[in-house]
Structures are given as structure tokens and as C-alpha cells.
């Protein structure tokens, strides 16, 4: 199994292996081309996203400065709204539900670095998917770490770091994010 296969399977893989770097080069090229596109031509930019991402639902809206590691590992539902500066490090799969809103400068990362000094010296990492449910709002500057699942009907307050799973129907804040309130589902 080569390092790219290890990355895709969730095993530890070497970040600087040639096949991993080659795979990421396509993402770098796409990000450069996307940034050069006309942000005022929203239909063209959305078409570029729809063609590159794993899936992009209807009525999506992205602010400026979106970037991703690869792109095809990202699956976004309907009625998605992201402010500027969204970064998705998608070595693993990222699944985002319907009616998700993200404030400026949010970061979703699927890359987990080892605690072992030896493994860090070997430039190893592990790709762990991220899942965000329906009706989720991430405030400005929220960071969601590798392997996290966020349930439906969740609000994460600005600046929070989501380091563990968040259950449905709650408001979360802080570093690490902790539940500060229940949240009723008042939709339908």
C-alpha cells in the first residue's frame, strides 16, 4: 500500500511522500485558478466549485478566499452559506449537511498529527473525516478538528475549537468547545 492509499484508508501516512505531494499539487493548481476567477461572477465560481468538489447542493453561497487541500473529498448539502476565508483541509472526507452557515475564517481540518515524537520526525499524519449535520451554524473563526462529528441543529460560537463530537440541539463555545445551552428545533 502506498502512502496515498494509506491516507485514503485513514492509516498513518507520510505527508511528504511523492504520491501525496503529487495528489495535493492538483489541489494547489485548482485553488490558484479559483482565486483568479471573478468573484463577482458568482454563477461561474459556483460552477467551478460544483465541478471540483465531491458534491455541492443547490443554493450554495461562498464568500471570497475559499481554499481547500484537494476538493473532491468535500461533500456539501443544499442551502450552504460561507463567509470569506473558509479553509477546508480535506485529506479525508468532509460531509456538510443542508442549511449550514459558516462565519468568516472558519477552518475544517481532517489531518491529525501524531503525539509520538518519532512519528512526527517521520512526517506522519492521519486523515480522519469530518461530518457536520443539518442546520448547523459555525461562528467566525471556528476550527473543527479531524475526526469530529457535529450533530443537527447546532450553533458553535465564534472562536471555538471543536476537538470532539458535538451532539444535536445545542449551543457550544470555548476552547475546547463545550455545551453552554440547549437549542430547540423550531423549524417545522
C-alpha atoms as a PDB file:
ATOM      1  CA  UNK A   1       0.000   0.000   0.000  1.00  0.00           C
ATOM      2  CA  UNK A   2       1.499   3.352  -0.983  1.00  0.00           C
ATOM      3  CA  UNK A   3       1.258   6.494   1.162  1.00  0.00           C
ATOM      4  CA  UNK A   4      -1.701   7.908  -0.778  1.00  0.00           C
ATOM      5  CA  UNK A   5      -3.632   4.670  -0.229  1.00  0.00           C
ATOM      6  CA  UNK A   6      -2.768   4.867   3.472  1.00  0.00           C
ATOM      7  CA  UNK A   7      -4.074   8.451   3.603  1.00  0.00           C
ATOM      8  CA  UNK A   8      -7.338   7.434   1.941  1.00  0.00           C
ATOM      9  CA  UNK A   9      -7.822   4.481   4.282  1.00  0.00           C
ATOM     10  CA  UNK A  10      -7.227   6.504   7.471  1.00  0.00           C
ATOM     11  CA  UNK A  11      -3.877   4.888   8.308  1.00  0.00           C
ATOM     12  CA  UNK A  12      -0.812   6.912   9.209  1.00  0.00           C
ATOM     13  CA  UNK A  13       0.819   8.217   6.032  1.00  0.00           C
ATOM     14  CA  UNK A  14       3.881  10.290   5.244  1.00  0.00           C
ATOM     15  CA  UNK A  15       2.928  13.901   4.478  1.00  0.00           C
ATOM     16  CA  UNK A  16       5.932  14.423   2.195  1.00  0.00           C
ATOM     17  CA  UNK A  17       5.693  11.210   0.152  1.00  0.00           C
ATOM     18  CA  UNK A  18       5.904  11.976  -3.595  1.00  0.00           C
ATOM     19  CA  UNK A  19       2.480  10.462  -4.373  1.00  0.00           C
ATOM     20  CA  UNK A  20       0.844  12.530  -1.602  1.00  0.00           C
ATOM     21  CA  UNK A  21       2.548  15.718  -2.754  1.00  0.00           C
ATOM     22  CA  UNK A  22       1.585  14.999  -6.371  1.00  0.00           C
ATOM     23  CA  UNK A  23      -2.038  14.473  -5.338  1.00  0.00           C
ATOM     24  CA  UNK A  24      -2.010  17.770  -3.448  1.00  0.00           C
ATOM     25  CA  UNK A  25      -0.439  19.628  -6.389  1.00  0.00           C
ATOM     26  CA  UNK A  26      -3.722  19.269  -8.292  1.00  0.00           C
ATOM     27  CA  UNK A  27      -5.449  20.996  -5.369  1.00  0.00           C
ATOM     28  CA  UNK A  28      -2.868  23.784  -5.373  1.00  0.00           C
ATOM     29  CA  UNK A  29      -3.350  24.360  -9.099  1.00  0.00           C
ATOM     30  CA  UNK A  30      -7.148  24.371  -8.731  1.00  0.00           C
ATOM     31  CA  UNK A  31      -7.012  26.791  -5.762  1.00  0.00           C
ATOM     32  CA  UNK A  32      -4.818  29.183  -7.766  1.00  0.00           C
ATOM     33  CA  UNK A  33      -7.212  29.066 -10.726  1.00  0.00           C
ATOM     34  CA  UNK A  34     -10.250  29.509  -8.472  1.00  0.00           C
ATOM     35  CA  UNK A  35      -8.714  32.559  -6.760  1.00  0.00           C
ATOM     36  CA  UNK A  36      -8.037  34.100 -10.165  1.00  0.00           C
ATOM     37  CA  UNK A  37     -11.709  33.754 -11.100  1.00  0.00           C
ATOM     38  CA  UNK A  38     -14.053  36.714 -10.970  1.00  0.00           C
ATOM     39  CA  UNK A  39     -15.733  36.658  -7.540  1.00  0.00           C
ATOM     40  CA  UNK A  40     -18.435  38.952  -8.916  1.00  0.00           C
ATOM     41  CA  UNK A  41     -19.399  36.236 -11.396  1.00  0.00           C
ATOM     42  CA  UNK A  42     -20.966  34.011  -8.743  1.00  0.00           C
ATOM     43  CA  UNK A  43     -22.585  31.551 -11.175  1.00  0.00           C
ATOM     44  CA  UNK A  44     -19.194  30.846 -12.805  1.00  0.00           C
ATOM     45  CA  UNK A  45     -17.478  30.441  -9.427  1.00  0.00           C
ATOM     46  CA  UNK A  46     -20.220  28.086  -8.207  1.00  0.00           C
ATOM     47  CA  UNK A  47     -19.885  26.070 -11.404  1.00  0.00           C
ATOM     48  CA  UNK A  48     -16.132  25.756 -10.785  1.00  0.00           C
ATOM     49  CA  UNK A  49     -16.877  24.530  -7.260  1.00  0.00           C
ATOM     50  CA  UNK A  50     -19.577  22.120  -8.446  1.00  0.00           C
ATOM     51  CA  UNK A  51     -17.168  20.612 -10.978  1.00  0.00           C
ATOM     52  CA  UNK A  52     -14.303  20.258  -8.480  1.00  0.00           C
ATOM     53  CA  UNK A  53     -15.886  19.280  -5.166  1.00  0.00           C
ATOM     54  CA  UNK A  54     -17.244  15.799  -4.458  1.00  0.00           C
ATOM     55  CA  UNK A  55     -20.746  17.298  -4.252  1.00  0.00           C
ATOM     56  CA  UNK A  56     -22.288  20.751  -3.942  1.00  0.00           C
ATOM     57  CA  UNK A  57     -26.015  21.160  -3.324  1.00  0.00           C
ATOM     58  CA  UNK A  58     -28.344  23.820  -4.655  1.00  0.00           C
ATOM     59  CA  UNK A  59     -28.367  27.427  -3.473  1.00  0.00           C
ATOM     60  CA  UNK A  60     -24.809  27.476  -2.136  1.00  0.00           C
ATOM     61  CA  UNK A  61     -23.019  30.745  -1.473  1.00  0.00           C
ATOM     62  CA  UNK A  62     -19.303  31.212  -0.782  1.00  0.00           C
ATOM     63  CA  UNK A  63     -17.509  34.360   0.291  1.00  0.00           C
ATOM     64  CA  UNK A  64     -14.106  35.263  -1.096  1.00  0.00           C
ATOM     65  CA  UNK A  65     -10.873  33.422  -0.304  1.00  0.00           C
ATOM     66  CA  UNK A  66     -12.205  29.857  -0.182  1.00  0.00           C
ATOM     67  CA  UNK A  67      -9.435  27.256  -0.262  1.00  0.00           C
ATOM     68  CA  UNK A  68      -9.174  23.507   0.117  1.00  0.00           C
ATOM     69  CA  UNK A  69      -6.420  20.909   0.139  1.00  0.00           C
ATOM     70  CA  UNK A  70      -7.850  18.658  -2.567  1.00  0.00           C
ATOM     71  CA  UNK A  71     -11.553  19.331  -3.229  1.00  0.00           C
ATOM     72  CA  UNK A  72     -13.036  16.011  -4.374  1.00  0.00           C
ATOM     73  CA  UNK A  73     -13.231  14.863  -0.727  1.00  0.00           C
ATOM     74  CA  UNK A  74     -15.719  17.649   0.111  1.00  0.00           C
ATOM     75  CA  UNK A  75     -19.479  16.943   0.040  1.00  0.00           C
ATOM     76  CA  UNK A  76     -21.749  19.923   0.745  1.00  0.00           C
ATOM     77  CA  UNK A  77     -25.550  19.858   1.015  1.00  0.00           C
ATOM     78  CA  UNK A  78     -28.194  22.363  -0.055  1.00  0.00           C
ATOM     79  CA  UNK A  79     -28.532  25.985   1.131  1.00  0.00           C
ATOM     80  CA  UNK A  80     -24.887  26.253   2.251  1.00  0.00           C
ATOM     81  CA  UNK A  81     -23.635  29.722   3.179  1.00  0.00           C
ATOM     82  CA  UNK A  82     -19.993  30.522   3.939  1.00  0.00           C
ATOM     83  CA  UNK A  83     -18.451  33.907   4.598  1.00  0.00           C
ATOM     84  CA  UNK A  84     -14.956  34.729   3.357  1.00  0.00           C
ATOM     85  CA  UNK A  85     -11.832  32.887   4.365  1.00  0.00           C
ATOM     86  CA  UNK A  86     -13.216  29.343   4.617  1.00  0.00           C
ATOM     87  CA  UNK A  87     -10.427  26.751   4.559  1.00  0.00           C
ATOM     88  CA  UNK A  88     -11.066  23.017   4.296  1.00  0.00           C
ATOM     89  CA  UNK A  89      -8.056  20.705   4.666  1.00  0.00           C
ATOM     90  CA  UNK A  90      -9.643  17.642   3.100  1.00  0.00           C
ATOM     91  CA  UNK A  91      -7.092  14.839   3.219  1.00  0.00           C
ATOM     92  CA  UNK A  92     -10.064  12.831   4.499  1.00  0.00           C
ATOM     93  CA  UNK A  93     -13.705  13.246   3.560  1.00  0.00           C
ATOM     94  CA  UNK A  94     -15.714  16.242   4.757  1.00  0.00           C
ATOM     95  CA  UNK A  95     -19.514  15.904   4.753  1.00  0.00           C
ATOM     96  CA  UNK A  96     -21.559  19.050   5.363  1.00  0.00           C
ATOM     97  CA  UNK A  97     -25.357  18.862   5.649  1.00  0.00           C
ATOM     98  CA  UNK A  98     -28.148  21.158   4.492  1.00  0.00           C
ATOM     99  CA  UNK A  99     -28.712  24.707   5.783  1.00  0.00           C
ATOM    100  CA  UNK A 100     -25.186  25.048   7.176  1.00  0.00           C
ATOM    101  CA  UNK A 101     -23.794  28.534   7.745  1.00  0.00           C
ATOM    102  CA  UNK A 102     -20.148  29.372   8.430  1.00  0.00           C
ATOM    103  CA  UNK A 103     -18.848  32.742   9.534  1.00  0.00           C
ATOM    104  CA  UNK A 104     -15.618  34.286   8.289  1.00  0.00           C
ATOM    105  CA  UNK A 105     -12.309  32.456   8.598  1.00  0.00           C
ATOM    106  CA  UNK A 106     -13.566  29.028   9.618  1.00  0.00           C
ATOM    107  CA  UNK A 107     -11.181  26.069   9.343  1.00  0.00           C
ATOM    108  CA  UNK A 108     -12.167  22.427   8.916  1.00  0.00           C
ATOM    109  CA  UNK A 109      -9.237  20.026   9.005  1.00  0.00           C
ATOM    110  CA  UNK A 110      -9.137  16.268   8.565  1.00  0.00           C
ATOM    111  CA  UNK A 111      -5.405  15.995   9.246  1.00  0.00           C
ATOM    112  CA  UNK A 112      -4.463  14.618  12.673  1.00  0.00           C
ATOM    113  CA  UNK A 113      -0.831  14.755  13.708  1.00  0.00           C
ATOM    114  CA  UNK A 114       0.615  12.074  15.989  1.00  0.00           C
ATOM    115  CA  UNK A 115       1.627  12.643  19.578  1.00  0.00           C
ATOM    116  CA  UNK A 116       4.681  10.456  19.121  1.00  0.00           C
ATOM    117  CA  UNK A 117       7.886  12.426  18.577  1.00  0.00           C
ATOM    118  CA  UNK A 118       9.256   9.616  16.415  1.00  0.00           C
ATOM    119  CA  UNK A 119       6.193   9.681  14.159  1.00  0.00           C
ATOM    120  CA  UNK A 120       6.330  13.483  13.862  1.00  0.00           C
ATOM    121  CA  UNK A 121      10.017  13.242  12.877  1.00  0.00           C
ATOM    122  CA  UNK A 122       8.903  10.811  10.152  1.00  0.00           C
ATOM    123  CA  UNK A 123       6.375  13.443   8.950  1.00  0.00           C
ATOM    124  CA  UNK A 124       3.439  11.118   9.579  1.00  0.00           C
ATOM    125  CA  UNK A 125      -0.203  12.177   9.799  1.00  0.00           C
ATOM    126  CA  UNK A 126      -3.592  10.525   9.740  1.00  0.00           C
ATOM    127  CA  UNK A 127      -6.661  11.564   7.721  1.00  0.00           C
ATOM    128  CA  UNK A 128      -9.856  11.474   9.782  1.00  0.00           C
ATOM    129  CA  UNK A 129     -13.123  12.610   8.231  1.00  0.00           C
ATOM    130  CA  UNK A 130     -15.300  15.448   9.494  1.00  0.00           C
ATOM    131  CA  UNK A 131     -19.111  15.378   9.487  1.00  0.00           C
ATOM    132  CA  UNK A 132     -21.340  18.385  10.031  1.00  0.00           C
ATOM    133  CA  UNK A 133     -25.078  17.766  10.313  1.00  0.00           C
ATOM    134  CA  UNK A 134     -28.031  19.801   9.054  1.00  0.00           C
ATOM    135  CA  UNK A 135     -28.962  23.244  10.406  1.00  0.00           C
ATOM    136  CA  UNK A 136     -25.525  23.984  11.854  1.00  0.00           C
ATOM    137  CA  UNK A 137     -24.052  27.456  12.319  1.00  0.00           C
ATOM    138  CA  UNK A 138     -20.320  27.940  12.892  1.00  0.00           C
ATOM    139  CA  UNK A 139     -19.427  31.438  14.077  1.00  0.00           C
ATOM    140  CA  UNK A 140     -16.444  33.466  12.917  1.00  0.00           C
ATOM    141  CA  UNK A 141     -13.074  31.779  13.317  1.00  0.00           C
ATOM    142  CA  UNK A 142     -14.369  28.371  14.405  1.00  0.00           C
ATOM    143  CA  UNK A 143     -11.908  25.493  13.992  1.00  0.00           C
ATOM    144  CA  UNK A 144     -13.207  21.944  13.567  1.00  0.00           C
ATOM    145  CA  UNK A 145     -10.533  19.281  14.107  1.00  0.00           C
ATOM    146  CA  UNK A 146     -10.037  15.905  12.435  1.00  0.00           C
ATOM    147  CA  UNK A 147     -12.464  13.108  13.199  1.00  0.00           C
ATOM    148  CA  UNK A 148     -15.191  15.329  14.649  1.00  0.00           C
ATOM    149  CA  UNK A 149     -18.930  14.790  14.093  1.00  0.00           C
ATOM    150  CA  UNK A 150     -21.287  17.716  14.735  1.00  0.00           C
ATOM    151  CA  UNK A 151     -24.954  16.782  15.132  1.00  0.00           C
ATOM    152  CA  UNK A 152     -28.005  18.524  13.668  1.00  0.00           C
ATOM    153  CA  UNK A 153     -29.292  21.881  14.930  1.00  0.00           C
ATOM    154  CA  UNK A 154     -26.054  23.104  16.500  1.00  0.00           C
ATOM    155  CA  UNK A 155     -24.614  26.588  16.962  1.00  0.00           C
ATOM    156  CA  UNK A 156     -20.882  26.898  17.617  1.00  0.00           C
ATOM    157  CA  UNK A 157     -19.965  30.345  18.908  1.00  0.00           C
ATOM    158  CA  UNK A 158     -17.193  32.436  17.340  1.00  0.00           C
ATOM    159  CA  UNK A 159     -13.611  31.417  18.051  1.00  0.00           C
ATOM    160  CA  UNK A 160     -14.436  27.964  19.391  1.00  0.00           C
ATOM    161  CA  UNK A 161     -12.251  24.939  18.718  1.00  0.00           C
ATOM    162  CA  UNK A 162     -14.269  21.777  18.174  1.00  0.00           C
ATOM    163  CA  UNK A 163     -11.997  18.938  19.275  1.00  0.00           C
ATOM    164  CA  UNK A 164     -14.628  16.273  19.989  1.00  0.00           C
ATOM    165  CA  UNK A 165     -18.071  15.253  18.751  1.00  0.00           C
ATOM    166  CA  UNK A 166     -20.938  17.659  19.471  1.00  0.00           C
ATOM    167  CA  UNK A 167     -24.418  16.203  19.999  1.00  0.00           C
ATOM    168  CA  UNK A 168     -27.512  17.635  18.296  1.00  0.00           C
ATOM    169  CA  UNK A 169     -29.588  20.557  19.575  1.00  0.00           C
ATOM    170  CA  UNK A 170     -27.048  22.619  21.457  1.00  0.00           C
ATOM    171  CA  UNK A 171     -25.027  25.810  21.618  1.00  0.00           C
ATOM    172  CA  UNK A 172     -21.285  25.318  22.120  1.00  0.00           C
ATOM    173  CA  UNK A 173     -18.459  27.755  22.883  1.00  0.00           C
ATOM    174  CA  UNK A 174     -14.863  27.899  24.051  1.00  0.00           C
ATOM    175  CA  UNK A 175     -11.586  26.084  23.648  1.00  0.00           C
ATOM    176  CA  UNK A 176     -12.280  23.242  23.571  1.00  0.00           C
ATOM    177  CA  UNK A 177     -15.937  23.778  22.641  1.00  0.00           C
ATOM    178  CA  UNK A 178     -18.339  22.855  25.443  1.00  0.00           C
ATOM    179  CA  UNK A 179     -22.118  22.955  25.622  1.00  0.00           C
ATOM    180  CA  UNK A 180     -23.440  26.203  27.080  1.00  0.00           C
ATOM    181  CA  UNK A 181     -27.145  25.862  26.221  1.00  0.00           C
ATOM    182  CA  UNK A 182     -29.796  23.618  24.752  1.00  0.00           C
ATOM    183  CA  UNK A 183     -31.230  24.625  21.403  1.00  0.00           C
ATOM    184  CA  UNK A 184     -34.799  23.889  20.391  1.00  0.00           C
ATOM    185  CA  UNK A 185     -35.531  22.886  16.805  1.00  0.00           C
ATOM    186  CA  UNK A 186     -38.191  25.439  15.870  1.00  0.00           C
ATOM    187  CA  UNK A 187     -38.301  24.510  12.188  1.00  0.00           C
ATOM    188  CA  UNK A 188     -41.408  22.627  11.124  1.00  0.00           C
END
